[in-house]
Amino acid sequence: MVSMKEKNIRSELSWATYDWANSAFSTTVMAGFFPLFFKQYWSGELAVTQSTFYLGLGNSIASLIIMLLAPILGAIADASGLHKRLLLSFAMLGILATSCLFLVGEGMWPLAVIVYVVAIMGFSGANVFYDAMLPILAPKSKQHSLSALGFALGYLGGGLLFLVNVAMTIKPAWFGLAGAADAVRWSFLSVGIWWFVFTIPLLLFVKDKPGTAHTQISISGSLKALGATVKHILADRNVALFLLAYWFYIDGLATIIRMAVDYGLSIGLPANSLIISLLIVQFVGFPATILFGRLGQKYGAKFGLWIGLTAYVVATFAASFLQNEVHFYGLAVVLGLVQGGVQSLSRSLFSQLIPAERSGEYFGFFNMMGKSAAVLGPVLVGIVSATSGSPRIGIVSIIILFVIGMTVLKFVKEPEINTANQQPSS
């Protein structure tokens, strides 16, 4: 018979494995092949600055939709207790849309943007419920390390599939493919399959919070609960300050993730070197994120966040002076060292600031802040690049977001965690 401790460990590992599953989308699709394929295959007839604008617009539309839906989705999850089922529903939407990119032909950039927007909606919507499960599955004393484990597995899993996808594009004949374009299309399909297969552990071994599921979900009741959560957030200065800080600095981080390849292409770097840089970020990010989790456990999440965000300010400024592939590789190493740490510590710090029984609603706002920030970031880079005629000026505009976020974060009070005899909140 499996002990309760073993069941908890299995549930936690299965939860973290979903990061391994869906990170294939954020790596191969969002950061890697979609912006590359969009510029060179789907929108090849457009000017460089135009394709950058439409790519940013697509990202922003998807983020705006999730921004509006996330708090409501979180309230529904808490009211019904069906975090896992709702996660799986949105994940399937993302999986199907990602797989459909395989069918989008050359020059069909409007359709590519539409399918991409739907895929991001599935990916981001599922993450609302995924993040909300963290304080339900683990006690506060383990949340930094478990959050870091999830992101670390995401970097490793996403990096491994991306490595295979890159090999497919470099040596398509090895895989029985006609050429690089054919390889990229099959890569999109492989992401859908990977995402589906590695979601199965969460389906089998992670349980929804017992005793709260209802046969019917009341939208009006969820909206009332949402209104109450808004009042609680506004009344809780600490939570409100953190969300404000997160709103600013995650905008910069998300914009860099989504627009890095497009920026490299715009300043004339070869596509292969950009792909190598993304691989560097993934494999450096795996051990670095685990170390950031331990750093958060020992010294606190704010300390780790300050280190990571300071590195982002320096790296963003340095990016405006990039001249060759070697510079871009160095930048990739720096970002790989801190990117996962900032993401994981943000999630775990927020989970410690909120009541676990309302994690869906609160993480709905957490995701809303991230997505509402990303509405502005990609468009900001696109507009500044288009109006100035220089993508280098566009990338520098991101720095102010990190600086404001760090300033507000300074006033957030981090809770002291008593590690003795803590149990998961369930």
Protein backbone atom coordinates (compact mmCIF):
# COMPACT_ATOMS: atom_id res chain seq x y z
CA MET A 1 0.00 0.00 0.00
CA VAL A 2 1.27 3.47 -0.93
CA SER A 3 1.74 5.72 2.12
CA MET A 4 0.32 9.23 2.35
CA LYS A 5 3.82 10.68 2.15
CA GLU A 6 4.54 8.72 -1.04
CA LYS A 7 1.22 9.87 -2.52
CA ASN A 8 2.07 13.50 -1.74
CA ILE A 9 5.50 13.16 -3.34
CA ARG A 10 3.99 11.47 -6.41
CA SER A 11 1.37 14.22 -6.70
CA GLU A 12 4.01 16.94 -6.41
CA LEU A 13 6.26 15.33 -9.03
CA SER A 14 3.31 14.77 -11.37
CA TRP A 15 2.31 18.41 -10.94
CA ALA A 16 5.87 19.54 -11.73
CA THR A 17 5.95 17.27 -14.78
CA TYR A 18 3.27 19.41 -16.42
CA ASP A 19 5.94 22.12 -16.70
CA TRP A 20 8.01 19.57 -18.66
CA ALA A 21 4.95 19.03 -20.89
CA ASN A 22 3.81 22.56 -21.71
CA SER A 23 7.26 24.18 -21.83
CA ALA A 24 7.71 22.58 -25.23
CA PHE A 25 5.17 25.16 -26.45
CA SER A 26 6.88 28.14 -24.83
CA THR A 27 10.29 27.01 -26.15
CA THR A 28 9.80 25.52 -29.61
CA VAL A 29 6.75 27.59 -30.57
CA MET A 30 6.71 30.92 -28.70
CA ALA A 31 10.41 31.64 -28.29
CA GLY A 32 11.80 29.60 -31.18
CA PHE A 33 10.17 28.56 -34.40
CA PHE A 34 6.97 30.62 -34.54
CA PRO A 35 8.64 34.07 -34.70
CA LEU A 36 11.32 32.67 -37.01
CA PHE A 37 8.84 30.91 -39.29
CA PHE A 38 6.44 33.84 -39.17
CA LYS A 39 9.07 36.27 -40.44
CA GLN A 40 10.66 34.01 -43.05
CA TYR A 41 7.83 31.73 -44.24
CA TRP A 42 4.35 33.00 -43.37
CA SER A 43 5.01 36.76 -43.75
CA GLY A 44 8.06 36.78 -45.99
CA GLU A 45 6.51 39.39 -48.30
CA LEU A 46 6.12 41.93 -45.45
CA ALA A 47 8.75 44.45 -44.35
CA VAL A 48 10.79 43.48 -41.26
CA THR A 49 9.17 46.15 -39.09
CA GLN A 50 5.68 45.17 -40.29
CA SER A 51 6.15 41.51 -39.42
CA THR A 52 7.48 42.54 -36.00
CA PHE A 53 4.36 44.66 -35.46
CA TYR A 54 1.96 41.85 -36.42
CA LEU A 55 3.83 39.33 -34.26
CA GLY A 56 3.65 41.70 -31.29
CA LEU A 57 -0.02 42.39 -31.99
CA GLY A 58 -0.83 38.66 -31.99
CA ASN A 59 0.94 38.18 -28.65
CA SER A 60 -0.88 41.16 -27.20
CA ILE A 61 -4.35 40.08 -28.35
CA ALA A 62 -3.87 36.65 -26.78
CA SER A 63 -2.61 38.20 -23.57
CA LEU A 64 -5.54 40.64 -23.45
CA ILE A 65 -8.09 37.83 -23.74
CA ILE A 66 -6.46 35.83 -20.93
CA MET A 67 -6.09 38.99 -18.85
CA LEU A 68 -9.85 39.47 -18.95
CA LEU A 69 -10.70 35.80 -18.37
CA ALA A 70 -8.09 34.75 -15.78
CA PRO A 71 -9.73 36.12 -12.60
CA ILE A 72 -13.13 34.71 -13.61
CA LEU A 73 -11.58 31.33 -14.44
CA GLY A 74 -9.84 31.30 -11.07
CA ALA A 75 -13.07 32.10 -9.24
CA ILE A 76 -14.86 29.29 -11.07
CA ALA A 77 -12.06 26.86 -10.16
CA ASP A 78 -12.29 27.74 -6.45
CA ALA A 79 -16.08 27.56 -6.45
CA SER A 80 -16.14 24.17 -8.17
CA GLY A 81 -12.93 22.62 -6.87
CA LEU A 82 -12.20 21.49 -10.44
CA HIS A 83 -8.74 23.00 -10.92
CA LYS A 84 -7.39 19.90 -12.66
CA ARG A 85 -10.33 19.42 -15.04
CA LEU A 86 -10.29 23.07 -16.09
CA LEU A 87 -6.51 22.89 -16.56
CA LEU A 88 -6.92 19.86 -18.83
CA SER A 89 -9.66 21.57 -20.87
CA PHE A 90 -7.49 24.59 -21.66
CA ALA A 91 -4.44 22.41 -22.21
CA MET A 92 -6.34 20.44 -24.87
CA LEU A 93 -7.29 23.71 -26.58
CA GLY A 94 -3.62 24.68 -26.69
CA ILE A 95 -2.52 21.22 -27.83
CA LEU A 96 -5.01 21.14 -30.71
CA ALA A 97 -4.23 24.68 -31.88
CA THR A 98 -0.48 24.06 -31.75
CA SER A 99 -0.89 20.89 -33.78
CA CYS A 100 -2.96 22.82 -36.34
CA LEU A 101 0.02 25.10 -37.11
CA PHE A 102 1.27 22.11 -39.08
CA LEU A 103 -1.54 22.77 -41.60
CA VAL A 104 -0.91 26.52 -42.17
CA GLY A 105 0.64 27.06 -45.60
CA GLU A 106 3.29 29.48 -46.82
CA GLY A 107 2.24 33.15 -46.97
CA MET A 108 -0.85 32.57 -44.80
CA TRP A 109 0.27 34.92 -42.04
CA PRO A 110 -3.24 36.06 -40.95
CA LEU A 111 -4.30 32.45 -40.32
CA ALA A 112 -1.00 31.75 -38.58
CA VAL A 113 -1.64 34.66 -36.18
CA ILE A 114 -5.19 33.47 -35.43
CA VAL A 115 -4.15 29.87 -34.69
CA TYR A 116 -1.23 31.16 -32.60
CA VAL A 117 -3.56 33.37 -30.54
CA VAL A 118 -5.81 30.37 -29.79
CA ALA A 119 -2.78 28.26 -28.82
CA ILE A 120 -1.56 30.94 -26.40
CA MET A 121 -5.04 31.16 -24.89
CA GLY A 122 -4.97 27.42 -24.17
CA PHE A 123 -1.42 27.55 -22.82
CA SER A 124 -2.01 30.59 -20.61
CA GLY A 125 -5.48 29.57 -19.47
CA ALA A 126 -4.21 26.19 -18.29
CA ASN A 127 -1.44 27.93 -16.36
CA VAL A 128 -4.02 29.83 -14.27
CA PHE A 129 -5.17 26.53 -12.76
CA TYR A 130 -1.71 24.97 -12.73
CA ASP A 131 -0.23 27.80 -10.67
CA ALA A 132 -3.24 27.79 -8.33
CA MET A 133 -2.57 24.14 -7.43
CA LEU A 134 0.84 24.96 -5.87
CA PRO A 135 -0.43 26.12 -2.43
CA ILE A 136 -2.94 23.26 -2.44
CA LEU A 137 -0.35 20.54 -3.05
CA ALA A 138 2.58 21.75 -0.93
CA PRO A 139 3.09 23.41 2.47
CA LYS A 140 4.57 26.90 2.44
CA SER A 141 7.97 25.61 3.52
CA LYS A 142 8.24 23.58 0.28
CA GLN A 143 6.69 25.99 -2.18
CA HIS A 144 9.93 27.70 -3.30
CA SER A 145 11.62 24.38 -4.03
CA LEU A 146 8.57 22.79 -5.70
CA SER A 147 7.93 25.84 -7.86
CA ALA A 148 11.59 25.84 -8.87
CA LEU A 149 11.45 22.11 -9.66
CA GLY A 150 8.55 22.71 -12.01
CA PHE A 151 10.30 25.49 -13.90
CA ALA A 152 13.58 23.52 -13.96
CA LEU A 153 11.85 20.48 -15.47
CA GLY A 154 10.26 22.85 -17.95
CA TYR A 155 13.62 24.14 -19.08
CA LEU A 156 15.03 20.62 -19.39
CA GLY A 157 11.99 19.08 -21.10
CA GLY A 158 11.43 22.03 -23.40
CA GLY A 159 15.13 22.10 -24.21
CA LEU A 160 15.32 18.39 -25.05
CA LEU A 161 12.42 18.52 -27.52
CA PHE A 162 13.72 21.78 -28.96
CA LEU A 163 17.10 20.11 -29.50
CA VAL A 164 15.38 17.36 -31.49
CA ASN A 165 13.39 19.96 -33.43
CA VAL A 166 16.55 21.91 -34.25
CA ALA A 167 18.19 18.70 -35.48
CA MET A 168 15.14 18.13 -37.68
CA THR A 169 15.60 21.54 -39.32
CA ILE A 170 19.37 21.23 -39.75
CA LYS A 171 19.34 17.64 -41.03
CA PRO A 172 15.79 17.08 -42.34
CA ALA A 173 16.89 14.10 -44.45
CA TRP A 174 17.77 12.17 -41.28
CA PHE A 175 14.10 12.32 -40.34
CA GLY A 176 12.75 11.61 -43.82
CA LEU A 177 11.68 15.24 -44.34
CA ALA A 178 11.85 17.26 -47.56
CA GLY A 179 13.49 20.38 -46.10
CA ALA A 180 13.79 22.84 -43.22
CA ALA A 181 10.31 24.30 -43.74
CA ASP A 182 8.79 20.83 -43.63
CA ALA A 183 10.80 20.13 -40.46
CA VAL A 184 9.44 23.23 -38.71
CA ARG A 185 5.86 22.26 -39.54
CA TRP A 186 6.44 18.77 -38.12
CA SER A 187 8.06 20.37 -35.07
CA PHE A 188 4.80 22.15 -34.28
CA LEU A 189 3.00 18.81 -34.43
CA SER A 190 5.63 17.19 -32.20
CA VAL A 191 5.02 19.88 -29.57
CA GLY A 192 1.32 19.02 -29.51
CA ILE A 193 2.10 15.32 -29.04
CA TRP A 194 4.75 16.00 -26.35
CA TRP A 195 2.43 18.34 -24.47
CA PHE A 196 -0.36 15.72 -24.50
CA VAL A 197 1.77 12.73 -23.47
CA PHE A 198 3.48 14.40 -20.51
CA THR A 199 0.22 15.83 -19.21
CA ILE A 200 -0.91 12.27 -18.45
CA PRO A 201 0.90 12.04 -15.03
CA LEU A 202 -1.03 15.08 -13.81
CA LEU A 203 -4.24 13.51 -15.12
CA LEU A 204 -3.60 10.26 -13.25
CA PHE A 205 -1.91 11.24 -9.98
CA VAL A 206 -2.96 14.79 -9.07
CA LYS A 207 -6.35 15.08 -7.42
CA ASP A 208 -8.65 18.08 -7.26
CA LYS A 209 -9.13 19.49 -3.79
CA PRO A 210 -11.52 17.04 -2.05
CA GLY A 211 -14.96 17.96 -0.85
CA THR A 212 -15.49 21.16 -2.87
CA ALA A 213 -16.58 20.00 -6.31
CA HIS A 214 -20.13 20.87 -7.32
CA THR A 215 -22.29 19.30 -9.98
CA GLN A 216 -23.12 22.77 -11.30
CA ILE A 217 -20.90 25.82 -11.56
CA SER A 218 -22.59 29.10 -10.74
CA ILE A 219 -21.17 31.91 -12.84
CA SER A 220 -22.97 34.53 -10.75
CA GLY A 221 -21.60 32.96 -7.56
CA SER A 222 -18.12 32.95 -9.05
CA LEU A 223 -18.43 36.62 -9.98
CA LYS A 224 -19.52 37.47 -6.42
CA ALA A 225 -16.52 35.58 -5.07
CA LEU A 226 -14.36 37.45 -7.56
CA GLY A 227 -15.66 40.77 -6.27
CA ALA A 228 -14.84 39.72 -2.73
CA THR A 229 -11.32 38.78 -3.82
CA VAL A 230 -10.84 42.21 -5.40
CA LYS A 231 -11.79 43.81 -2.08
CA HIS A 232 -9.39 41.54 -0.18
CA ILE A 233 -6.51 42.34 -2.57
CA LEU A 234 -7.12 46.07 -2.31
CA ALA A 235 -7.30 45.80 1.47
CA ASP A 236 -4.11 43.70 1.68
CA ARG A 237 -1.33 46.20 0.98
CA ASN A 238 1.30 43.49 0.76
CA VAL A 239 -0.49 41.45 -1.90
CA ALA A 240 -1.43 44.59 -3.86
CA LEU A 241 2.17 45.84 -3.84
CA PHE A 242 3.50 42.50 -4.99
CA LEU A 243 1.01 42.32 -7.86
CA LEU A 244 1.96 45.85 -8.92
CA ALA A 245 5.67 45.01 -8.84
CA TYR A 246 5.05 41.78 -10.71
CA TRP A 247 2.97 43.62 -13.31
CA PHE A 248 5.95 45.75 -14.27
CA TYR A 249 8.89 43.35 -14.15
CA ILE A 250 7.12 40.36 -15.71
CA ASP A 251 6.23 42.59 -18.67
CA GLY A 252 9.91 43.02 -19.43
CA LEU A 253 10.68 39.35 -18.93
CA ALA A 254 7.78 38.10 -21.07
CA THR A 255 8.57 40.56 -23.86
CA ILE A 256 12.18 39.42 -24.02
CA ILE A 257 11.12 35.76 -24.14
CA ARG A 258 8.63 36.34 -26.94
CA MET A 259 10.57 38.83 -29.02
CA ALA A 260 14.24 37.75 -28.62
CA VAL A 261 14.43 35.75 -31.85
CA ASP A 262 12.60 38.45 -33.80
CA TYR A 263 15.05 41.05 -32.41
CA GLY A 264 18.07 38.97 -33.41
CA LEU A 265 16.74 38.56 -36.94
CA SER A 266 15.99 42.28 -37.16
CA ILE A 267 19.59 43.24 -36.38
CA GLY A 268 20.90 40.76 -38.92
CA LEU A 269 22.03 37.76 -36.88
CA PRO A 270 21.78 34.35 -38.61
CA ALA A 271 18.82 32.17 -37.67
CA ASN A 272 20.94 29.18 -36.62
CA SER A 273 22.84 31.23 -34.01
CA LEU A 274 19.55 32.41 -32.50
CA ILE A 275 18.32 28.85 -32.18
CA ILE A 276 21.59 27.85 -30.48
CA SER A 277 21.10 30.75 -28.05
CA LEU A 278 17.66 29.46 -27.11
CA LEU A 279 19.13 26.04 -26.42
CA ILE A 280 21.75 27.65 -24.18
CA VAL A 281 19.00 29.35 -22.16
CA GLN A 282 17.16 26.06 -21.71
CA PHE A 283 20.06 23.94 -20.52
CA VAL A 284 21.65 26.66 -18.36
CA GLY A 285 18.19 27.36 -16.92
CA PHE A 286 17.67 23.80 -15.64
CA PRO A 287 20.33 23.73 -12.85
CA ALA A 288 20.18 27.51 -12.28
CA THR A 289 16.44 27.44 -11.49
CA ILE A 290 16.90 24.66 -8.94
CA LEU A 291 19.65 26.73 -7.30
CA PHE A 292 17.35 29.76 -7.18
CA GLY A 293 14.76 27.61 -5.42
CA ARG A 294 17.31 26.71 -2.74
CA LEU A 295 18.34 30.37 -2.56
CA GLY A 296 14.72 31.32 -1.92
CA GLN A 297 14.38 28.65 0.78
CA LYS A 298 17.50 29.90 2.59
CA TYR A 299 17.57 33.66 2.09
CA GLY A 300 14.05 34.52 0.94
CA ALA A 301 12.41 35.04 -2.43
CA LYS A 302 12.94 38.81 -2.55
CA PHE A 303 16.70 38.38 -2.33
CA GLY A 304 16.69 35.99 -5.28
CA LEU A 305 14.33 38.20 -7.27
CA TRP A 306 16.57 41.23 -6.82
CA ILE A 307 19.55 39.29 -8.15
CA GLY A 308 17.61 38.07 -11.17
CA LEU A 309 16.01 41.42 -12.03
CA THR A 310 19.30 43.30 -11.71
CA ALA A 311 20.80 40.86 -14.20
CA TYR A 312 17.89 41.54 -16.55
CA VAL A 313 18.49 45.30 -16.47
CA VAL A 314 22.17 44.85 -17.35
CA ALA A 315 21.43 42.23 -20.02
CA THR A 316 18.69 44.34 -21.69
CA PHE A 317 20.99 47.34 -21.92
CA ALA A 318 23.80 45.17 -23.29
CA ALA A 319 21.42 43.70 -25.89
CA SER A 320 21.20 47.06 -27.64
CA PHE A 321 24.93 46.81 -28.44
CA LEU A 322 24.97 43.25 -29.77
CA GLN A 323 27.05 42.89 -32.92
CA ASN A 324 27.59 39.17 -33.52
CA GLU A 325 26.68 35.64 -32.52
CA VAL A 326 29.22 35.44 -29.69
CA HIS A 327 27.60 38.44 -27.99
CA PHE A 328 24.19 36.81 -28.32
CA TYR A 329 25.50 33.55 -26.82
CA GLY A 330 26.86 35.47 -23.82
CA LEU A 331 23.51 37.15 -23.35
CA ALA A 332 21.81 33.74 -23.52
CA VAL A 333 24.00 32.44 -20.69
CA VAL A 334 23.11 35.41 -18.46
CA LEU A 335 19.38 35.07 -19.14
CA GLY A 336 19.51 31.32 -18.63
CA LEU A 337 21.05 31.83 -15.20
CA VAL A 338 18.24 34.06 -13.93
CA GLN A 339 15.10 33.64 -16.06
CA GLY A 340 13.71 30.54 -14.35
CA GLY A 341 14.64 31.87 -10.94
CA VAL A 342 12.62 35.05 -11.41
CA GLN A 343 9.63 33.08 -12.68
CA SER A 344 9.65 30.38 -10.01
CA LEU A 345 10.31 32.68 -7.03
CA SER A 346 7.55 35.05 -8.19
CA ARG A 347 5.07 32.18 -8.23
CA SER A 348 6.13 30.73 -4.88
CA LEU A 349 6.35 34.11 -3.11
CA PHE A 350 2.83 34.96 -4.23
CA SER A 351 1.58 31.55 -3.07
CA GLN A 352 2.89 32.38 0.41
CA LEU A 353 1.10 35.72 0.52
CA ILE A 354 -2.40 34.40 -0.25
CA PRO A 355 -4.99 32.10 1.41
CA ALA A 356 -4.67 28.60 -0.10
CA GLU A 357 -8.44 28.03 -0.12
CA ARG A 358 -8.82 30.92 -2.61
CA SER A 359 -5.71 30.21 -4.65
CA GLY A 360 -7.61 29.99 -7.93
CA GLU A 361 -9.03 33.48 -7.60
CA TYR A 362 -5.77 35.00 -6.42
CA PHE A 363 -3.70 33.25 -9.08
CA GLY A 364 -6.28 34.41 -11.59
CA PHE A 365 -5.22 37.94 -10.69
CA PHE A 366 -1.56 36.88 -10.67
CA ASN A 367 -1.91 35.64 -14.25
CA MET A 368 -4.04 38.62 -15.18
CA MET A 369 -1.25 40.98 -14.10
CA GLY A 370 1.27 39.03 -16.14
CA LYS A 371 -0.91 38.95 -19.23
CA SER A 372 -2.04 42.57 -18.96
CA ALA A 373 1.61 43.59 -18.78
CA ALA A 374 2.40 41.50 -21.86
CA VAL A 375 -0.35 43.33 -23.73
CA LEU A 376 1.86 46.43 -23.67
CA GLY A 377 5.37 45.00 -23.85
CA PRO A 378 5.45 43.38 -27.32
CA VAL A 379 3.45 46.24 -28.84
CA LEU A 380 5.82 48.76 -27.19
CA VAL A 381 8.84 47.09 -28.80
CA GLY A 382 7.04 46.82 -32.13
CA ILE A 383 5.90 50.45 -32.20
CA VAL A 384 9.21 51.90 -31.00
CA SER A 385 11.10 49.76 -33.52
CA ALA A 386 8.76 50.74 -36.36
CA THR A 387 8.67 54.48 -35.60
CA SER A 388 12.40 54.82 -34.87
CA GLY A 389 13.49 52.42 -37.59
CA SER A 390 15.79 50.78 -35.02
CA PRO A 391 15.02 47.55 -33.17
CA ARG A 392 17.91 48.41 -30.81
CA ILE A 393 16.02 51.41 -29.47
CA GLY A 394 12.93 49.24 -29.12
CA ILE A 395 14.67 46.71 -26.89
CA VAL A 396 16.11 49.38 -24.55
CA SER A 397 12.61 50.66 -23.77
CA ILE A 398 12.02 47.52 -21.68
CA ILE A 399 14.50 48.55 -18.94
CA ILE A 400 12.15 51.03 -17.30
CA LEU A 401 9.70 48.19 -16.57
CA PHE A 402 12.31 46.23 -14.61
CA VAL A 403 13.39 49.30 -12.65
CA ILE A 404 9.84 50.22 -11.60
CA GLY A 405 9.08 46.61 -10.65
CA MET A 406 12.19 46.35 -8.47
CA THR A 407 11.38 49.63 -6.75
CA VAL A 408 7.86 48.52 -5.81
CA LEU A 409 9.08 45.04 -4.79
CA LYS A 410 11.27 46.70 -2.16
CA PHE A 411 8.14 47.55 -0.12
CA VAL A 412 6.70 44.00 -0.15
CA LYS A 413 7.02 42.24 3.22
CA GLU A 414 8.03 38.62 2.81
CA PRO A 415 6.35 36.26 5.31
CA GLU A 416 8.40 34.28 7.80
CA ILE A 417 7.80 30.57 7.28
CA ASN A 418 7.73 28.12 10.16
CA THR A 419 8.96 24.83 8.66
CA ALA A 420 7.97 22.70 11.63
CA ASN A 421 5.09 20.29 11.15
CA GLN A 422 3.61 21.98 8.12
CA GLN A 423 1.16 20.07 5.97
CA PRO A 424 -0.21 20.89 2.54
CA SER A 425 -3.25 23.12 2.53
CA SER A 426 -6.02 20.76 1.48
